[in-house]
Amino acid sequence: MTRLLRKTIPALVVLLSAQMLLAAKNDDRVYQIASILSGTFEGSTPGNRLRLDISTITVDPNHPYDLFLRVSGQFEKTNVQQQGLIRLETQGNDIYFTYIPHFNPTVTALSMDAGRFTERELTSACSFVLKPKGDGFVGDTLGTTTCALAMQGAFGKWSLELEPGNLRVQNVETAETLRFGLQSRKEAKK
């Protein structure tokens, strides 16, 4: 019995250590993505006069990397006003990015309802996996209509590329690209 314990305990320690290292690595990646996204971004491509205000928000202690997104301004001749929650979480080796829209324009990051969603908002959510690429991360939406309700006008498959100070959203089929540059970084509210 003692011999068996001497062999299995070190094996269990190695196995648990490997799992903790993987979890720590994923948490570092989620933190890095949240850090890249936090702040105020201004559109930098022609016709893109949109402003993205992204700030940390705590709606559930089990999700420490939630962000509140507010999009305002004009794209070409269309006025845009959208808001919602970005949830970043690890699932195995993957980092999931989920955007849940708030269709009620009065909901803000400070609203009591910032973390409450209607059934329509939840079924309109847009999710995809982010993978490391260069100094940042990249991910593609799953299909042609999966994010169309969550993000006004987002028909087709879209790619999101994040790197420190910049983010890019591109339609995979048409190559229509929206670039944003970081204008200011808001202090984390944690």
C-alpha atoms as a PDB file:
ATOM      1  CA  MET A   1       0.000   0.000   0.000  1.00  0.00           C
ATOM      2  CA  THR A   2       2.792   2.421   0.942  1.00  0.00           C
ATOM      3  CA  ARG A   3       4.603   1.634  -2.298  1.00  0.00           C
ATOM      4  CA  LEU A   4       1.438   2.335  -4.294  1.00  0.00           C
ATOM      5  CA  LEU A   5       0.926   5.682  -2.540  1.00  0.00           C
ATOM      6  CA  ARG A   6       4.550   6.670  -3.206  1.00  0.00           C
ATOM      7  CA  LYS A   7       3.978   6.125  -6.924  1.00  0.00           C
ATOM      8  CA  THR A   8       0.495   7.667  -7.275  1.00  0.00           C
ATOM      9  CA  ILE A   9       0.931  10.793  -5.146  1.00  0.00           C
ATOM     10  CA  PRO A  10       3.752  12.254  -7.296  1.00  0.00           C
ATOM     11  CA  ALA A  11       1.756  11.397 -10.447  1.00  0.00           C
ATOM     12  CA  LEU A  12      -1.320  13.181  -9.048  1.00  0.00           C
ATOM     13  CA  VAL A  13       0.776  16.224  -8.078  1.00  0.00           C
ATOM     14  CA  VAL A  14       2.195  16.433 -11.621  1.00  0.00           C
ATOM     15  CA  LEU A  15      -1.273  16.049 -13.151  1.00  0.00           C
ATOM     16  CA  LEU A  16      -2.833  18.715 -10.904  1.00  0.00           C
ATOM     17  CA  SER A  17       0.111  21.071 -11.465  1.00  0.00           C
ATOM     18  CA  ALA A  18      -0.288  20.746 -15.236  1.00  0.00           C
ATOM     19  CA  GLN A  19      -4.007  21.540 -14.979  1.00  0.00           C
ATOM     20  CA  MET A  20      -3.302  24.577 -12.767  1.00  0.00           C
ATOM     21  CA  LEU A  21      -0.651  25.834 -15.209  1.00  0.00           C
ATOM     22  CA  LEU A  22      -3.101  25.474 -18.123  1.00  0.00           C
ATOM     23  CA  ALA A  23      -5.803  27.347 -16.165  1.00  0.00           C
ATOM     24  CA  ALA A  24      -3.322  30.097 -15.255  1.00  0.00           C
ATOM     25  CA  LYS A  25      -2.231  30.375 -18.908  1.00  0.00           C
ATOM     26  CA  ASN A  26      -5.875  30.696 -20.042  1.00  0.00           C
ATOM     27  CA  ASP A  27      -6.614  33.280 -17.318  1.00  0.00           C
ATOM     28  CA  ASP A  28      -3.596  35.262 -18.510  1.00  0.00           C
ATOM     29  CA  ARG A  29      -4.969  35.190 -22.066  1.00  0.00           C
ATOM     30  CA  VAL A  30      -8.455  36.253 -20.932  1.00  0.00           C
ATOM     31  CA  TYR A  31      -6.906  39.072 -18.879  1.00  0.00           C
ATOM     32  CA  GLN A  32      -4.780  40.107 -21.876  1.00  0.00           C
ATOM     33  CA  ILE A  33      -7.847  40.241 -24.155  1.00  0.00           C
ATOM     34  CA  ALA A  34      -9.805  42.259 -21.570  1.00  0.00           C
ATOM     35  CA  SER A  35      -6.856  44.660 -21.246  1.00  0.00           C
ATOM     36  CA  ILE A  36      -6.612  45.147 -25.011  1.00  0.00           C
ATOM     37  CA  LEU A  37     -10.344  45.861 -25.251  1.00  0.00           C
ATOM     38  CA  SER A  38     -10.657  48.234 -22.262  1.00  0.00           C
ATOM     39  CA  GLY A  39     -10.797  51.901 -23.246  1.00  0.00           C
ATOM     40  CA  THR A  40     -12.219  54.245 -25.848  1.00  0.00           C
ATOM     41  CA  PHE A  41     -11.642  53.427 -29.506  1.00  0.00           C
ATOM     42  CA  GLU A  42     -12.304  55.743 -32.468  1.00  0.00           C
ATOM     43  CA  GLY A  43     -13.029  54.590 -36.012  1.00  0.00           C
ATOM     44  CA  SER A  44     -10.102  55.199 -38.369  1.00  0.00           C
ATOM     45  CA  THR A  45     -11.360  53.937 -41.735  1.00  0.00           C
ATOM     46  CA  PRO A  46     -13.207  56.184 -44.241  1.00  0.00           C
ATOM     47  CA  GLY A  47     -16.873  56.654 -43.333  1.00  0.00           C
ATOM     48  CA  ASN A  48     -16.310  55.131 -39.905  1.00  0.00           C
ATOM     49  CA  ARG A  49     -17.068  57.817 -37.316  1.00  0.00           C
ATOM     50  CA  LEU A  50     -17.933  55.301 -34.641  1.00  0.00           C
ATOM     51  CA  ARG A  51     -16.771  55.414 -31.054  1.00  0.00           C
ATOM     52  CA  LEU A  52     -16.435  52.279 -28.930  1.00  0.00           C
ATOM     53  CA  ASP A  53     -16.477  52.807 -25.166  1.00  0.00           C
ATOM     54  CA  ILE A  54     -15.493  49.570 -23.457  1.00  0.00           C
ATOM     55  CA  SER A  55     -15.268  49.360 -19.679  1.00  0.00           C
ATOM     56  CA  THR A  56     -15.036  46.616 -17.093  1.00  0.00           C
ATOM     57  CA  ILE A  57     -18.251  45.682 -15.338  1.00  0.00           C
ATOM     58  CA  THR A  58     -18.990  43.249 -12.554  1.00  0.00           C
ATOM     59  CA  VAL A  59     -22.367  41.577 -12.968  1.00  0.00           C
ATOM     60  CA  ASP A  60     -21.314  38.135 -11.731  1.00  0.00           C
ATOM     61  CA  PRO A  61     -18.257  37.401  -9.558  1.00  0.00           C
ATOM     62  CA  ASN A  62     -17.787  34.141 -11.495  1.00  0.00           C
ATOM     63  CA  HIS A  63     -17.084  36.203 -14.640  1.00  0.00           C
ATOM     64  CA  PRO A  64     -14.348  38.673 -13.683  1.00  0.00           C
ATOM     65  CA  TYR A  65     -13.581  39.672 -17.284  1.00  0.00           C
ATOM     66  CA  ASP A  66     -16.979  41.032 -18.337  1.00  0.00           C
ATOM     67  CA  LEU A  67     -16.927  44.286 -20.289  1.00  0.00           C
ATOM     68  CA  PHE A  68     -19.679  46.732 -21.203  1.00  0.00           C
ATOM     69  CA  LEU A  69     -19.601  47.976 -24.810  1.00  0.00           C
ATOM     70  CA  ARG A  70     -21.267  51.159 -25.985  1.00  0.00           C
ATOM     71  CA  VAL A  71     -21.091  51.972 -29.717  1.00  0.00           C
ATOM     72  CA  SER A  72     -22.106  55.451 -30.828  1.00  0.00           C
ATOM     73  CA  GLY A  73     -21.595  57.691 -33.834  1.00  0.00           C
ATOM     74  CA  GLN A  74     -22.059  57.324 -37.556  1.00  0.00           C
ATOM     75  CA  PHE A  75     -21.116  54.726 -40.103  1.00  0.00           C
ATOM     76  CA  GLU A  76     -21.291  56.324 -43.522  1.00  0.00           C
ATOM     77  CA  LYS A  77     -24.711  58.063 -43.270  1.00  0.00           C
ATOM     78  CA  THR A  78     -26.255  55.785 -40.654  1.00  0.00           C
ATOM     79  CA  ASN A  79     -26.480  56.826 -37.019  1.00  0.00           C
ATOM     80  CA  VAL A  80     -25.501  53.987 -34.707  1.00  0.00           C
ATOM     81  CA  GLN A  81     -26.321  53.533 -31.033  1.00  0.00           C
ATOM     82  CA  GLN A  82     -25.757  50.079 -29.537  1.00  0.00           C
ATOM     83  CA  GLN A  83     -24.773  48.662 -26.196  1.00  0.00           C
ATOM     84  CA  GLY A  84     -24.241  45.287 -24.626  1.00  0.00           C
ATOM     85  CA  LEU A  85     -22.096  42.988 -22.549  1.00  0.00           C
ATOM     86  CA  ILE A  86     -18.916  41.271 -23.699  1.00  0.00           C
ATOM     87  CA  ARG A  87     -18.213  38.100 -21.747  1.00  0.00           C
ATOM     88  CA  LEU A  88     -14.759  36.551 -21.985  1.00  0.00           C
ATOM     89  CA  GLU A  89     -14.319  33.064 -20.590  1.00  0.00           C
ATOM     90  CA  THR A  90     -12.153  30.017 -20.936  1.00  0.00           C
ATOM     91  CA  GLN A  91     -13.525  26.707 -22.105  1.00  0.00           C
ATOM     92  CA  GLY A  92     -10.738  24.155 -22.215  1.00  0.00           C
ATOM     93  CA  ASN A  93      -7.905  25.609 -24.280  1.00  0.00           C
ATOM     94  CA  ASP A  94     -10.210  28.091 -26.003  1.00  0.00           C
ATOM     95  CA  ILE A  95     -11.108  31.648 -25.109  1.00  0.00           C
ATOM     96  CA  TYR A  96     -14.760  32.404 -25.860  1.00  0.00           C
ATOM     97  CA  PHE A  97     -15.905  35.901 -26.774  1.00  0.00           C
ATOM     98  CA  THR A  98     -19.633  36.434 -26.374  1.00  0.00           C
ATOM     99  CA  TYR A  99     -21.454  39.675 -27.112  1.00  0.00           C
ATOM    100  CA  ILE A 100     -24.966  39.949 -25.649  1.00  0.00           C
ATOM    101  CA  PRO A 101     -26.795  43.042 -26.920  1.00  0.00           C
ATOM    102  CA  HIS A 102     -29.054  45.295 -24.899  1.00  0.00           C
ATOM    103  CA  PHE A 103     -31.841  46.433 -27.223  1.00  0.00           C
ATOM    104  CA  ASN A 104     -33.078  48.948 -24.647  1.00  0.00           C
ATOM    105  CA  PRO A 105     -30.991  52.096 -25.314  1.00  0.00           C
ATOM    106  CA  THR A 106     -31.383  53.314 -21.727  1.00  0.00           C
ATOM    107  CA  VAL A 107     -29.276  50.446 -20.319  1.00  0.00           C
ATOM    108  CA  THR A 108     -25.747  51.577 -19.463  1.00  0.00           C
ATOM    109  CA  ALA A 109     -22.781  50.094 -17.614  1.00  0.00           C
ATOM    110  CA  LEU A 110     -24.133  51.725 -14.450  1.00  0.00           C
ATOM    111  CA  SER A 111     -27.707  50.447 -14.839  1.00  0.00           C
ATOM    112  CA  MET A 112     -29.125  47.861 -12.469  1.00  0.00           C
ATOM    113  CA  ASP A 113     -30.142  45.946 -15.623  1.00  0.00           C
ATOM    114  CA  ALA A 114     -26.642  45.857 -17.165  1.00  0.00           C
ATOM    115  CA  GLY A 115     -26.405  42.131 -16.398  1.00  0.00           C
ATOM    116  CA  ARG A 116     -30.050  41.225 -17.027  1.00  0.00           C
ATOM    117  CA  PHE A 117     -31.217  40.287 -20.492  1.00  0.00           C
ATOM    118  CA  THR A 118     -34.497  39.577 -22.208  1.00  0.00           C
ATOM    119  CA  GLU A 119     -34.991  36.245 -23.959  1.00  0.00           C
ATOM    120  CA  ARG A 120     -34.670  38.035 -27.311  1.00  0.00           C
ATOM    121  CA  GLU A 121     -31.346  39.598 -26.281  1.00  0.00           C
ATOM    122  CA  LEU A 122     -29.981  36.239 -25.099  1.00  0.00           C
ATOM    123  CA  THR A 123     -31.009  34.434 -28.287  1.00  0.00           C
ATOM    124  CA  SER A 124     -29.411  37.229 -30.344  1.00  0.00           C
ATOM    125  CA  ALA A 125     -26.020  36.815 -28.657  1.00  0.00           C
ATOM    126  CA  CYS A 126     -22.946  36.416 -30.834  1.00  0.00           C
ATOM    127  CA  SER A 127     -20.182  33.999 -29.748  1.00  0.00           C
ATOM    128  CA  PHE A 128     -16.934  32.795 -31.234  1.00  0.00           C
ATOM    129  CA  VAL A 129     -13.480  31.545 -30.240  1.00  0.00           C
ATOM    130  CA  LEU A 130     -10.448  33.853 -30.026  1.00  0.00           C
ATOM    131  CA  LYS A 131      -6.994  32.431 -30.742  1.00  0.00           C
ATOM    132  CA  PRO A 132      -3.575  34.032 -30.181  1.00  0.00           C
ATOM    133  CA  LYS A 133      -2.081  35.709 -33.254  1.00  0.00           C
ATOM    134  CA  GLY A 134       1.061  37.840 -33.164  1.00  0.00           C
ATOM    135  CA  ASP A 135       0.768  40.369 -30.324  1.00  0.00           C
ATOM    136  CA  GLY A 136      -2.979  39.872 -30.062  1.00  0.00           C
ATOM    137  CA  PHE A 137      -5.889  37.606 -30.853  1.00  0.00           C
ATOM    138  CA  VAL A 138      -8.172  36.781 -33.774  1.00  0.00           C
ATOM    139  CA  GLY A 139     -11.529  35.061 -34.137  1.00  0.00           C
ATOM    140  CA  ASP A 140     -14.287  34.568 -36.718  1.00  0.00           C
ATOM    141  CA  THR A 141     -18.039  34.525 -36.262  1.00  0.00           C
ATOM    142  CA  LEU A 142     -19.605  31.163 -37.025  1.00  0.00           C
ATOM    143  CA  GLY A 143     -21.867  31.949 -39.960  1.00  0.00           C
ATOM    144  CA  THR A 144     -23.596  34.411 -42.189  1.00  0.00           C
ATOM    145  CA  THR A 145     -26.454  35.405 -39.871  1.00  0.00           C
ATOM    146  CA  THR A 146     -25.237  34.355 -36.403  1.00  0.00           C
ATOM    147  CA  CYS A 147     -24.378  37.898 -35.314  1.00  0.00           C
ATOM    148  CA  ALA A 148     -26.782  39.886 -37.503  1.00  0.00           C
ATOM    149  CA  LEU A 149     -29.244  40.561 -34.674  1.00  0.00           C
ATOM    150  CA  ALA A 150     -26.591  41.282 -32.051  1.00  0.00           C
ATOM    151  CA  MET A 151     -24.643  43.762 -34.173  1.00  0.00           C
ATOM    152  CA  GLN A 152     -26.598  46.021 -36.494  1.00  0.00           C
ATOM    153  CA  GLY A 153     -25.719  45.254 -40.118  1.00  0.00           C
ATOM    154  CA  ALA A 154     -23.334  42.365 -39.355  1.00  0.00           C
ATOM    155  CA  PHE A 155     -24.567  40.061 -42.112  1.00  0.00           C
ATOM    156  CA  GLY A 156     -22.018  37.561 -43.347  1.00  0.00           C
ATOM    157  CA  LYS A 157     -19.048  36.004 -41.633  1.00  0.00           C
ATOM    158  CA  TRP A 158     -16.904  38.510 -39.716  1.00  0.00           C
ATOM    159  CA  SER A 159     -13.399  38.411 -38.311  1.00  0.00           C
ATOM    160  CA  LEU A 160     -12.281  40.277 -35.177  1.00  0.00           C
ATOM    161  CA  GLU A 161      -8.584  41.006 -34.756  1.00  0.00           C
ATOM    162  CA  LEU A 162      -7.266  42.521 -31.527  1.00  0.00           C
ATOM    163  CA  GLU A 163      -3.825  43.876 -30.781  1.00  0.00           C
ATOM    164  CA  PRO A 164      -2.664  46.426 -28.222  1.00  0.00           C
ATOM    165  CA  GLY A 165      -4.051  49.823 -29.251  1.00  0.00           C
ATOM    166  CA  ASN A 166      -6.038  48.583 -32.244  1.00  0.00           C
ATOM    167  CA  LEU A 167      -8.932  46.434 -33.239  1.00  0.00           C
ATOM    168  CA  ARG A 168     -10.210  45.466 -36.651  1.00  0.00           C
ATOM    169  CA  VAL A 169     -13.543  44.010 -37.709  1.00  0.00           C
ATOM    170  CA  GLN A 170     -13.681  42.620 -41.252  1.00  0.00           C
ATOM    171  CA  ASN A 171     -16.323  40.919 -43.357  1.00  0.00           C
ATOM    172  CA  VAL A 172     -14.617  37.708 -44.493  1.00  0.00           C
ATOM    173  CA  GLU A 173     -16.466  37.538 -47.856  1.00  0.00           C
ATOM    174  CA  THR A 174     -16.486  41.208 -48.915  1.00  0.00           C
ATOM    175  CA  ALA A 175     -13.309  42.377 -47.095  1.00  0.00           C
ATOM    176  CA  GLU A 176     -15.244  45.422 -45.783  1.00  0.00           C
ATOM    177  CA  THR A 177     -13.065  46.562 -42.884  1.00  0.00           C
ATOM    178  CA  LEU A 178     -13.677  48.724 -39.843  1.00  0.00           C
ATOM    179  CA  ARG A 179     -10.525  49.754 -37.996  1.00  0.00           C
ATOM    180  CA  PHE A 180     -10.444  51.348 -34.578  1.00  0.00           C
ATOM    181  CA  GLY A 181      -7.591  52.946 -32.681  1.00  0.00           C
ATOM    182  CA  LEU A 182      -7.331  53.320 -28.921  1.00  0.00           C
ATOM    183  CA  GLN A 183      -7.901  56.937 -27.873  1.00  0.00           C
ATOM    184  CA  SER A 184      -7.864  56.555 -24.098  1.00  0.00           C
ATOM    185  CA  ARG A 185      -7.731  53.820 -21.539  1.00  0.00           C
ATOM    186  CA  LYS A 186     -10.285  53.819 -18.752  1.00  0.00           C
ATOM    187  CA  GLU A 187      -9.205  52.702 -15.326  1.00  0.00           C
ATOM    188  CA  ALA A 188     -10.411  49.252 -14.404  1.00  0.00           C
ATOM    189  CA  LYS A 189     -13.321  49.331 -11.980  1.00  0.00           C
ATOM    190  CA  LYS A 190     -12.198  46.270 -10.054  1.00  0.00           C
END
